[in-house]
PDB file of N, CA and C in Angstrom:
ATOM      1  N   UNK A   1     -60.978 134.452 -15.786  1.00  0.00           N
ATOM      2  CA  UNK A   1     -60.800 134.805 -17.163  1.00  0.00           C
ATOM      3  C   UNK A   1     -60.122 136.165 -17.229  1.00  0.00           C
ATOM      4  N   UNK A   2     -59.256 136.260 -18.171  1.00  0.00           N
ATOM      5  CA  UNK A   2     -58.564 137.477 -18.427  1.00  0.00           C
ATOM      6  C   UNK A   2     -59.337 138.273 -19.557  1.00  0.00           C
ATOM      7  N   UNK A   3     -59.469 139.494 -19.446  1.00  0.00           N
ATOM      8  CA  UNK A   3     -60.146 140.328 -20.459  1.00  0.00           C
ATOM      9  C   UNK A   3     -59.081 141.012 -21.296  1.00  0.00           C
ATOM     10  N   UNK A   4     -59.023 140.720 -22.577  1.00  0.00           N
ATOM     11  CA  UNK A   4     -57.920 141.265 -23.407  1.00  0.00           C
ATOM     12  C   UNK A   4     -58.217 142.707 -23.788  1.00  0.00           C
ATOM     13  N   UNK A   5     -57.209 143.382 -24.388  1.00  0.00           N
ATOM     14  CA  UNK A   5     -57.384 144.757 -24.764  1.00  0.00           C
ATOM     15  C   UNK A   5     -58.506 144.977 -25.750  1.00  0.00           C
ATOM     16  N   UNK A   6     -58.766 144.027 -26.649  1.00  0.00           N
ATOM     17  CA  UNK A   6     -59.884 144.143 -27.619  1.00  0.00           C
ATOM     18  C   UNK A   6     -61.183 144.232 -26.865  1.00  0.00           C
ATOM     19  N   UNK A   7     -61.412 143.427 -25.899  1.00  0.00           N
ATOM     20  CA  UNK A   7     -62.653 143.464 -25.117  1.00  0.00           C
ATOM     21  C   UNK A   7     -62.735 144.813 -24.393  1.00  0.00           C
ATOM     22  N   UNK A   8     -61.696 145.203 -23.759  1.00  0.00           N
ATOM     23  CA  UNK A   8     -61.686 146.459 -22.981  1.00  0.00           C
ATOM     24  C   UNK A   8     -61.934 147.695 -23.933  1.00  0.00           C
ATOM     25  N   UNK A   9     -61.382 147.623 -25.113  1.00  0.00           N
ATOM     26  CA  UNK A   9     -61.571 148.710 -26.079  1.00  0.00           C
ATOM     27  C   UNK A   9     -63.003 148.799 -26.509  1.00  0.00           C
ATOM     28  N   UNK A  10     -63.650 147.616 -26.708  1.00  0.00           N
ATOM     29  CA  UNK A  10     -65.057 147.530 -27.074  1.00  0.00           C
ATOM     30  C   UNK A  10     -65.892 148.344 -25.992  1.00  0.00           C
ATOM     31  N   UNK A  11     -65.621 148.041 -24.754  1.00  0.00           N
ATOM     32  CA  UNK A  11     -66.357 148.700 -23.659  1.00  0.00           C
ATOM     33  C   UNK A  11     -66.099 150.190 -23.623  1.00  0.00           C
ATOM     34  N   UNK A  12     -64.888 150.559 -23.858  1.00  0.00           N
ATOM     35  CA  UNK A  12     -64.566 151.998 -23.890  1.00  0.00           C
ATOM     36  C   UNK A  12     -65.297 152.693 -25.033  1.00  0.00           C
ATOM     37  N   UNK A  13     -65.400 152.023 -26.195  1.00  0.00           N
ATOM     38  CA  UNK A  13     -66.193 152.591 -27.278  1.00  0.00           C
ATOM     39  C   UNK A  13     -67.613 152.704 -26.900  1.00  0.00           C
ATOM     40  N   UNK A  14     -68.145 151.741 -26.240  1.00  0.00           N
ATOM     41  CA  UNK A  14     -69.555 151.832 -25.866  1.00  0.00           C
ATOM     42  C   UNK A  14     -69.731 152.962 -24.767  1.00  0.00           C
ATOM     43  N   UNK A  15     -68.764 153.114 -23.948  1.00  0.00           N
ATOM     44  CA  UNK A  15     -68.870 154.239 -23.004  1.00  0.00           C
ATOM     45  C   UNK A  15     -68.872 155.576 -23.664  1.00  0.00           C
ATOM     46  N   UNK A  16     -68.102 155.706 -24.717  1.00  0.00           N
ATOM     47  CA  UNK A  16     -68.115 156.895 -25.533  1.00  0.00           C
ATOM     48  C   UNK A  16     -69.400 157.149 -26.223  1.00  0.00           C
ATOM     49  N   UNK A  17     -69.990 156.054 -26.714  1.00  0.00           N
ATOM     50  CA  UNK A  17     -71.271 156.135 -27.365  1.00  0.00           C
ATOM     51  C   UNK A  17     -72.355 156.609 -26.405  1.00  0.00           C
ATOM     52  N   UNK A  18     -72.326 156.124 -25.210  1.00  0.00           N
ATOM     53  CA  UNK A  18     -73.375 156.461 -24.211  1.00  0.00           C
ATOM     54  C   UNK A  18     -73.139 157.958 -23.775  1.00  0.00           C
ATOM     55  N   UNK A  19     -71.924 158.386 -23.623  1.00  0.00           N
ATOM     56  CA  UNK A  19     -71.703 159.802 -23.350  1.00  0.00           C
ATOM     57  C   UNK A  19     -72.226 160.688 -24.458  1.00  0.00           C
ATOM     58  N   UNK A  20     -71.993 160.249 -25.731  1.00  0.00           N
ATOM     59  CA  UNK A  20     -72.500 160.954 -26.825  1.00  0.00           C
ATOM     60  C   UNK A  20     -73.979 161.061 -26.855  1.00  0.00           C
ATOM     61  N   UNK A  21     -74.632 159.997 -26.491  1.00  0.00           N
ATOM     62  CA  UNK A  21     -76.123 159.983 -26.465  1.00  0.00           C
ATOM     63  C   UNK A  21     -76.581 161.012 -25.329  1.00  0.00           C
ATOM     64  N   UNK A  22     -75.941 160.986 -24.269  1.00  0.00           N
ATOM     65  CA  UNK A  22     -76.327 161.893 -23.207  1.00  0.00           C
ATOM     66  C   UNK A  22     -76.119 163.353 -23.689  1.00  0.00           C
ATOM     67  N   UNK A  23     -75.054 163.605 -24.359  1.00  0.00           N
ATOM     68  CA  UNK A  23     -74.883 165.004 -24.941  1.00  0.00           C
ATOM     69  C   UNK A  23     -76.021 165.375 -25.917  1.00  0.00           C
ATOM     70  N   UNK A  24     -76.370 164.359 -26.726  1.00  0.00           N
ATOM     71  CA  UNK A  24     -77.476 164.545 -27.627  1.00  0.00           C
ATOM     72  C   UNK A  24     -78.793 164.929 -26.947  1.00  0.00           C
ATOM     73  N   UNK A  25     -79.030 164.248 -25.873  1.00  0.00           N
ATOM     74  CA  UNK A  25     -80.238 164.463 -25.097  1.00  0.00           C
ATOM     75  C   UNK A  25     -80.168 165.854 -24.480  1.00  0.00           C
ATOM     76  N   UNK A  26     -79.054 166.199 -23.952  1.00  0.00           N
ATOM     77  CA  UNK A  26     -78.893 167.555 -23.336  1.00  0.00           C
ATOM     78  C   UNK A  26     -79.084 168.691 -24.358  1.00  0.00           C
ATOM     79  N   UNK A  27     -78.781 168.385 -25.603  1.00  0.00           N
ATOM     80  CA  UNK A  27     -78.968 169.362 -26.673  1.00  0.00           C
ATOM     81  C   UNK A  27     -80.344 169.203 -27.331  1.00  0.00           C
ATOM     82  N   UNK A  28     -81.183 168.393 -26.781  1.00  0.00           N
ATOM     83  CA  UNK A  28     -82.516 168.192 -27.326  1.00  0.00           C
ATOM     84  C   UNK A  28     -82.541 167.804 -28.766  1.00  0.00           C
ATOM     85  N   UNK A  29     -81.646 166.878 -29.138  1.00  0.00           N
ATOM     86  CA  UNK A  29     -81.597 166.438 -30.516  1.00  0.00           C
ATOM     87  C   UNK A  29     -82.853 165.578 -30.841  1.00  0.00           C
ATOM     88  N   UNK A  30     -83.144 165.396 -32.106  1.00  0.00           N
ATOM     89  CA  UNK A  30     -84.288 164.645 -32.566  1.00  0.00           C
ATOM     90  C   UNK A  30     -84.239 163.234 -31.965  1.00  0.00           C
ATOM     91  N   UNK A  31     -85.453 162.847 -31.593  1.00  0.00           N
ATOM     92  CA  UNK A  31     -85.561 161.474 -30.898  1.00  0.00           C
ATOM     93  C   UNK A  31     -85.092 160.319 -31.875  1.00  0.00           C
ATOM     94  N   UNK A  32     -85.270 160.490 -33.135  1.00  0.00           N
ATOM     95  CA  UNK A  32     -84.843 159.479 -34.116  1.00  0.00           C
ATOM     96  C   UNK A  32     -83.276 159.268 -34.059  1.00  0.00           C
ATOM     97  N   UNK A  33     -82.571 160.347 -33.950  1.00  0.00           N
ATOM     98  CA  UNK A  33     -81.127 160.310 -33.838  1.00  0.00           C
ATOM     99  C   UNK A  33     -80.716 159.614 -32.543  1.00  0.00           C
ATOM    100  N   UNK A  34     -81.385 159.976 -31.438  1.00  0.00           N
ATOM    101  CA  UNK A  34     -81.095 159.383 -30.127  1.00  0.00           C
ATOM    102  C   UNK A  34     -81.388 157.878 -30.173  1.00  0.00           C
ATOM    103  N   UNK A  35     -82.484 157.512 -30.735  1.00  0.00           N
ATOM    104  CA  UNK A  35     -82.908 156.082 -30.743  1.00  0.00           C
ATOM    105  C   UNK A  35     -81.896 155.315 -31.616  1.00  0.00           C
ATOM    106  N   UNK A  36     -81.484 155.906 -32.737  1.00  0.00           N
ATOM    107  CA  UNK A  36     -80.456 155.244 -33.638  1.00  0.00           C
ATOM    108  C   UNK A  36     -79.185 154.949 -32.851  1.00  0.00           C
ATOM    109  N   UNK A  37     -78.757 155.963 -32.111  1.00  0.00           N
ATOM    110  CA  UNK A  37     -77.504 155.821 -31.333  1.00  0.00           C
ATOM    111  C   UNK A  37     -77.648 154.809 -30.162  1.00  0.00           C
ATOM    112  N   UNK A  38     -78.869 154.797 -29.567  1.00  0.00           N
ATOM    113  CA  UNK A  38     -79.184 153.807 -28.515  1.00  0.00           C
ATOM    114  C   UNK A  38     -79.143 152.419 -29.072  1.00  0.00           C
ATOM    115  N   UNK A  39     -79.753 152.273 -30.260  1.00  0.00           N
ATOM    116  CA  UNK A  39     -79.784 150.965 -30.897  1.00  0.00           C
ATOM    117  C   UNK A  39     -78.355 150.454 -31.273  1.00  0.00           C
ATOM    118  N   UNK A  40     -77.566 151.359 -31.741  1.00  0.00           N
ATOM    119  CA  UNK A  40     -76.170 151.082 -32.053  1.00  0.00           C
ATOM    120  C   UNK A  40     -75.392 150.615 -30.796  1.00  0.00           C
ATOM    121  N   UNK A  41     -75.662 151.309 -29.753  1.00  0.00           N
ATOM    122  CA  UNK A  41     -75.003 150.931 -28.489  1.00  0.00           C
ATOM    123  C   UNK A  41     -75.423 149.589 -27.976  1.00  0.00           C
ATOM    124  N   UNK A  42     -76.726 149.299 -28.087  1.00  0.00           N
ATOM    125  CA  UNK A  42     -77.216 148.010 -27.688  1.00  0.00           C
ATOM    126  C   UNK A  42     -76.596 146.917 -28.510  1.00  0.00           C
ATOM    127  N   UNK A  43     -76.453 147.114 -29.857  1.00  0.00           N
ATOM    128  CA  UNK A  43     -75.850 146.146 -30.713  1.00  0.00           C
ATOM    129  C   UNK A  43     -74.378 145.930 -30.323  1.00  0.00           C
ATOM    130  N   UNK A  44     -73.655 146.977 -29.999  1.00  0.00           N
ATOM    131  CA  UNK A  44     -72.261 146.895 -29.531  1.00  0.00           C
ATOM    132  C   UNK A  44     -72.175 146.117 -28.264  1.00  0.00           C
ATOM    133  N   UNK A  45     -73.117 146.350 -27.339  1.00  0.00           N
ATOM    134  CA  UNK A  45     -73.085 145.560 -26.066  1.00  0.00           C
ATOM    135  C   UNK A  45     -73.353 144.110 -26.397  1.00  0.00           C
ATOM    136  N   UNK A  46     -74.312 143.767 -27.164  1.00  0.00           N
ATOM    137  CA  UNK A  46     -74.631 142.398 -27.535  1.00  0.00           C
ATOM    138  C   UNK A  46     -73.429 141.696 -28.173  1.00  0.00           C
ATOM    139  N   UNK A  47     -72.729 142.376 -29.023  1.00  0.00           N
ATOM    140  CA  UNK A  47     -71.520 141.795 -29.690  1.00  0.00           C
ATOM    141  C   UNK A  47     -70.430 141.597 -28.650  1.00  0.00           C
ATOM    142  N   UNK A  48     -70.251 142.528 -27.716  1.00  0.00           N
ATOM    143  CA  UNK A  48     -69.225 142.385 -26.650  1.00  0.00           C
ATOM    144  C   UNK A  48     -69.554 141.196 -25.758  1.00  0.00           C
ATOM    145  N   UNK A  49     -70.840 141.000 -25.455  1.00  0.00           N
ATOM    146  CA  UNK A  49     -71.175 139.854 -24.657  1.00  0.00           C
ATOM    147  C   UNK A  49     -70.885 138.626 -25.391  1.00  0.00           C
ATOM    148  N   UNK A  50     -71.140 138.598 -26.695  1.00  0.00           N
ATOM    149  CA  UNK A  50     -70.819 137.378 -27.504  1.00  0.00           C
ATOM    150  C   UNK A  50     -69.352 137.070 -27.499  1.00  0.00           C
ATOM    151  N   UNK A  51     -68.573 138.039 -27.671  1.00  0.00           N
ATOM    152  CA  UNK A  51     -67.119 137.828 -27.637  1.00  0.00           C
ATOM    153  C   UNK A  51     -66.641 137.264 -26.323  1.00  0.00           C
ATOM    154  N   UNK A  52     -67.157 137.869 -25.187  1.00  0.00           N
ATOM    155  CA  UNK A  52     -66.744 137.449 -23.825  1.00  0.00           C
ATOM    156  C   UNK A  52     -67.192 135.977 -23.624  1.00  0.00           C
ATOM    157  N   UNK A  53     -68.435 135.687 -23.958  1.00  0.00           N
ATOM    158  CA  UNK A  53     -68.983 134.332 -23.750  1.00  0.00           C
ATOM    159  C   UNK A  53     -68.197 133.322 -24.538  1.00  0.00           C
ATOM    160  N   UNK A  54     -67.979 133.612 -25.835  1.00  0.00           N
ATOM    161  CA  UNK A  54     -67.331 132.706 -26.665  1.00  0.00           C
ATOM    162  C   UNK A  54     -65.842 132.442 -26.252  1.00  0.00           C
ATOM    163  N   UNK A  55     -65.111 133.588 -25.812  1.00  0.00           N
ATOM    164  CA  UNK A  55     -63.802 133.410 -25.363  1.00  0.00           C
ATOM    165  C   UNK A  55     -63.823 132.569 -24.002  1.00  0.00           C
ATOM    166  N   UNK A  56     -64.811 132.806 -23.178  1.00  0.00           N
ATOM    167  CA  UNK A  56     -64.894 132.078 -21.926  1.00  0.00           C
ATOM    168  C   UNK A  56     -65.142 130.604 -22.265  1.00  0.00           C
ATOM    169  N   UNK A  57     -65.968 130.287 -23.214  1.00  0.00           N
ATOM    170  CA  UNK A  57     -66.269 128.885 -23.582  1.00  0.00           C
ATOM    171  C   UNK A  57     -65.007 128.191 -24.098  1.00  0.00           C
ATOM    172  N   UNK A  58     -64.188 128.942 -24.972  1.00  0.00           N
ATOM    173  CA  UNK A  58     -62.985 128.383 -25.504  1.00  0.00           C
ATOM    174  C   UNK A  58     -61.986 128.106 -24.336  1.00  0.00           C
ATOM    175  N   UNK A  59     -61.813 129.005 -23.452  1.00  0.00           N
ATOM    176  CA  UNK A  59     -60.965 128.809 -22.261  1.00  0.00           C
ATOM    177  C   UNK A  59     -61.387 127.669 -21.440  1.00  0.00           C
ATOM    178  N   UNK A  60     -62.710 127.600 -21.198  1.00  0.00           N
ATOM    179  CA  UNK A  60     -63.214 126.526 -20.301  1.00  0.00           C
ATOM    180  C   UNK A  60     -62.984 125.131 -20.905  1.00  0.00           C
ATOM    181  N   UNK A  61     -63.220 125.051 -22.226  1.00  0.00           N
ATOM    182  CA  UNK A  61     -63.045 123.769 -22.916  1.00  0.00           C
ATOM    183  C   UNK A  61     -61.545 123.435 -22.887  1.00  0.00           C
ATOM    184  N   UNK A  62     -60.677 124.390 -23.168  1.00  0.00           N
ATOM    185  CA  UNK A  62     -59.260 124.083 -23.108  1.00  0.00           C
ATOM    186  C   UNK A  62     -58.753 123.673 -21.767  1.00  0.00           C
ATOM    187  N   UNK A  63     -59.380 124.231 -20.759  1.00  0.00           N
ATOM    188  CA  UNK A  63     -58.929 123.903 -19.377  1.00  0.00           C
ATOM    189  C   UNK A  63     -59.742 122.726 -18.786  1.00  0.00           C
ATOM    190  N   UNK A  64     -60.651 122.212 -19.583  1.00  0.00           N
ATOM    191  CA  UNK A  64     -61.540 121.083 -18.996  1.00  0.00           C
ATOM    192  C   UNK A  64     -60.730 119.836 -18.711  1.00  0.00           C
ATOM    193  N   UNK A  65     -59.670 119.587 -19.413  1.00  0.00           N
ATOM    194  CA  UNK A  65     -58.880 118.440 -19.083  1.00  0.00           C
ATOM    195  C   UNK A  65     -58.327 118.449 -17.673  1.00  0.00           C
ATOM    196  N   UNK A  66     -58.117 119.675 -17.179  1.00  0.00           N
ATOM    197  CA  UNK A  66     -57.552 119.822 -15.819  1.00  0.00           C
ATOM    198  C   UNK A  66     -58.681 119.962 -14.754  1.00  0.00           C
ATOM    199  N   UNK A  67     -59.881 120.004 -15.177  1.00  0.00           N
ATOM    200  CA  UNK A  67     -61.007 120.141 -14.233  1.00  0.00           C
ATOM    201  C   UNK A  67     -61.736 118.850 -14.095  1.00  0.00           C
ATOM    202  N   UNK A  68     -61.609 118.255 -13.017  1.00  0.00           N
ATOM    203  CA  UNK A  68     -62.322 116.901 -12.801  1.00  0.00           C
ATOM    204  C   UNK A  68     -63.734 117.140 -12.296  1.00  0.00           C
ATOM    205  N   UNK A  69     -64.031 118.273 -11.690  1.00  0.00           N
ATOM    206  CA  UNK A  69     -65.322 118.504 -11.030  1.00  0.00           C
ATOM    207  C   UNK A  69     -66.452 118.783 -12.010  1.00  0.00           C
ATOM    208  N   UNK A  70     -66.153 119.245 -13.253  1.00  0.00           N
ATOM    209  CA  UNK A  70     -67.110 119.579 -14.198  1.00  0.00           C
ATOM    210  C   UNK A  70     -66.937 118.772 -15.508  1.00  0.00           C
ATOM    211  N   UNK A  71     -68.033 118.317 -16.084  1.00  0.00           N
ATOM    212  CA  UNK A  71     -67.899 117.635 -17.359  1.00  0.00           C
ATOM    213  C   UNK A  71     -67.952 118.664 -18.464  1.00  0.00           C
ATOM    214  N   UNK A  72     -67.534 118.233 -19.686  1.00  0.00           N
ATOM    215  CA  UNK A  72     -67.588 119.081 -20.802  1.00  0.00           C
ATOM    216  C   UNK A  72     -68.990 119.604 -21.052  1.00  0.00           C
ATOM    217  N   UNK A  73     -69.930 118.699 -20.864  1.00  0.00           N
ATOM    218  CA  UNK A  73     -71.346 119.084 -21.101  1.00  0.00           C
ATOM    219  C   UNK A  73     -71.767 120.207 -20.123  1.00  0.00           C
ATOM    220  N   UNK A  74     -71.348 120.131 -18.866  1.00  0.00           N
ATOM    221  CA  UNK A  74     -71.674 121.147 -17.889  1.00  0.00           C
ATOM    222  C   UNK A  74     -71.039 122.504 -18.230  1.00  0.00           C
ATOM    223  N   UNK A  75     -69.863 122.451 -18.742  1.00  0.00           N
ATOM    224  CA  UNK A  75     -69.163 123.647 -19.104  1.00  0.00           C
ATOM    225  C   UNK A  75     -69.844 124.355 -20.289  1.00  0.00           C
ATOM    226  N   UNK A  76     -70.195 123.597 -21.275  1.00  0.00           N
ATOM    227  CA  UNK A  76     -70.869 124.173 -22.468  1.00  0.00           C
ATOM    228  C   UNK A  76     -72.233 124.676 -22.020  1.00  0.00           C
ATOM    229  N   UNK A  77     -72.958 123.901 -21.180  1.00  0.00           N
ATOM    230  CA  UNK A  77     -74.219 124.324 -20.755  1.00  0.00           C
ATOM    231  C   UNK A  77     -74.179 125.651 -19.991  1.00  0.00           C
ATOM    232  N   UNK A  78     -73.195 125.859 -19.147  1.00  0.00           N
ATOM    233  CA  UNK A  78     -72.992 127.123 -18.434  1.00  0.00           C
ATOM    234  C   UNK A  78     -72.814 128.252 -19.394  1.00  0.00           C
ATOM    235  N   UNK A  79     -71.950 128.069 -20.469  1.00  0.00           N
ATOM    236  CA  UNK A  79     -71.684 129.081 -21.383  1.00  0.00           C
ATOM    237  C   UNK A  79     -72.942 129.478 -22.174  1.00  0.00           C
ATOM    238  N   UNK A  80     -73.735 128.469 -22.553  1.00  0.00           N
ATOM    239  CA  UNK A  80     -74.990 128.745 -23.287  1.00  0.00           C
ATOM    240  C   UNK A  80     -75.984 129.488 -22.439  1.00  0.00           C
ATOM    241  N   UNK A  81     -75.993 129.134 -21.116  1.00  0.00           N
ATOM    242  CA  UNK A  81     -76.934 129.833 -20.211  1.00  0.00           C
ATOM    243  C   UNK A  81     -76.480 131.248 -20.021  1.00  0.00           C
ATOM    244  N   UNK A  82     -75.171 131.551 -20.041  1.00  0.00           N
ATOM    245  CA  UNK A  82     -74.709 132.967 -19.969  1.00  0.00           C
ATOM    246  C   UNK A  82     -75.177 133.727 -21.206  1.00  0.00           C
ATOM    247  N   UNK A  83     -75.053 133.087 -22.379  1.00  0.00           N
ATOM    248  CA  UNK A  83     -75.422 133.749 -23.569  1.00  0.00           C
ATOM    249  C   UNK A  83     -76.963 133.982 -23.631  1.00  0.00           C
ATOM    250  N   UNK A  84     -77.743 133.052 -23.191  1.00  0.00           N
ATOM    251  CA  UNK A  84     -79.200 133.146 -23.140  1.00  0.00           C
ATOM    252  C   UNK A  84     -79.602 134.278 -22.153  1.00  0.00           C
ATOM    253  N   UNK A  85     -78.962 134.278 -21.003  1.00  0.00           N
ATOM    254  CA  UNK A  85     -79.251 135.288 -19.980  1.00  0.00           C
ATOM    255  C   UNK A  85     -79.007 136.680 -20.474  1.00  0.00           C
ATOM    256  N   UNK A  86     -78.039 136.850 -21.373  1.00  0.00           N
ATOM    257  CA  UNK A  86     -77.683 138.180 -21.825  1.00  0.00           C
ATOM    258  C   UNK A  86     -78.742 138.739 -22.813  1.00  0.00           C
ATOM    259  N   UNK A  87     -79.587 137.877 -23.331  1.00  0.00           N
ATOM    260  CA  UNK A  87     -80.579 138.303 -24.289  1.00  0.00           C
ATOM    261  C   UNK A  87     -81.742 138.866 -23.630  1.00  0.00           C
TER     262      UNK A  87
END
């Protein structure tokens, strides 16, 4: 699977959020602010996982015609398992 620029940019934004959280901790910011930012980062990670899994599912379904070793049901099941595992 190829990861497009949108996916990579999401991860870069998350990286920036995490660095910001670390700076907040180093400056002993209020725990409510830190938790808010950690929660926002977790949400961003969850959404990124969703984008990657859904893109992977679309690609797998589109390529299923060329794959004789896996049924469509198996491909969808694998994608769902990836999504469940991420939770």
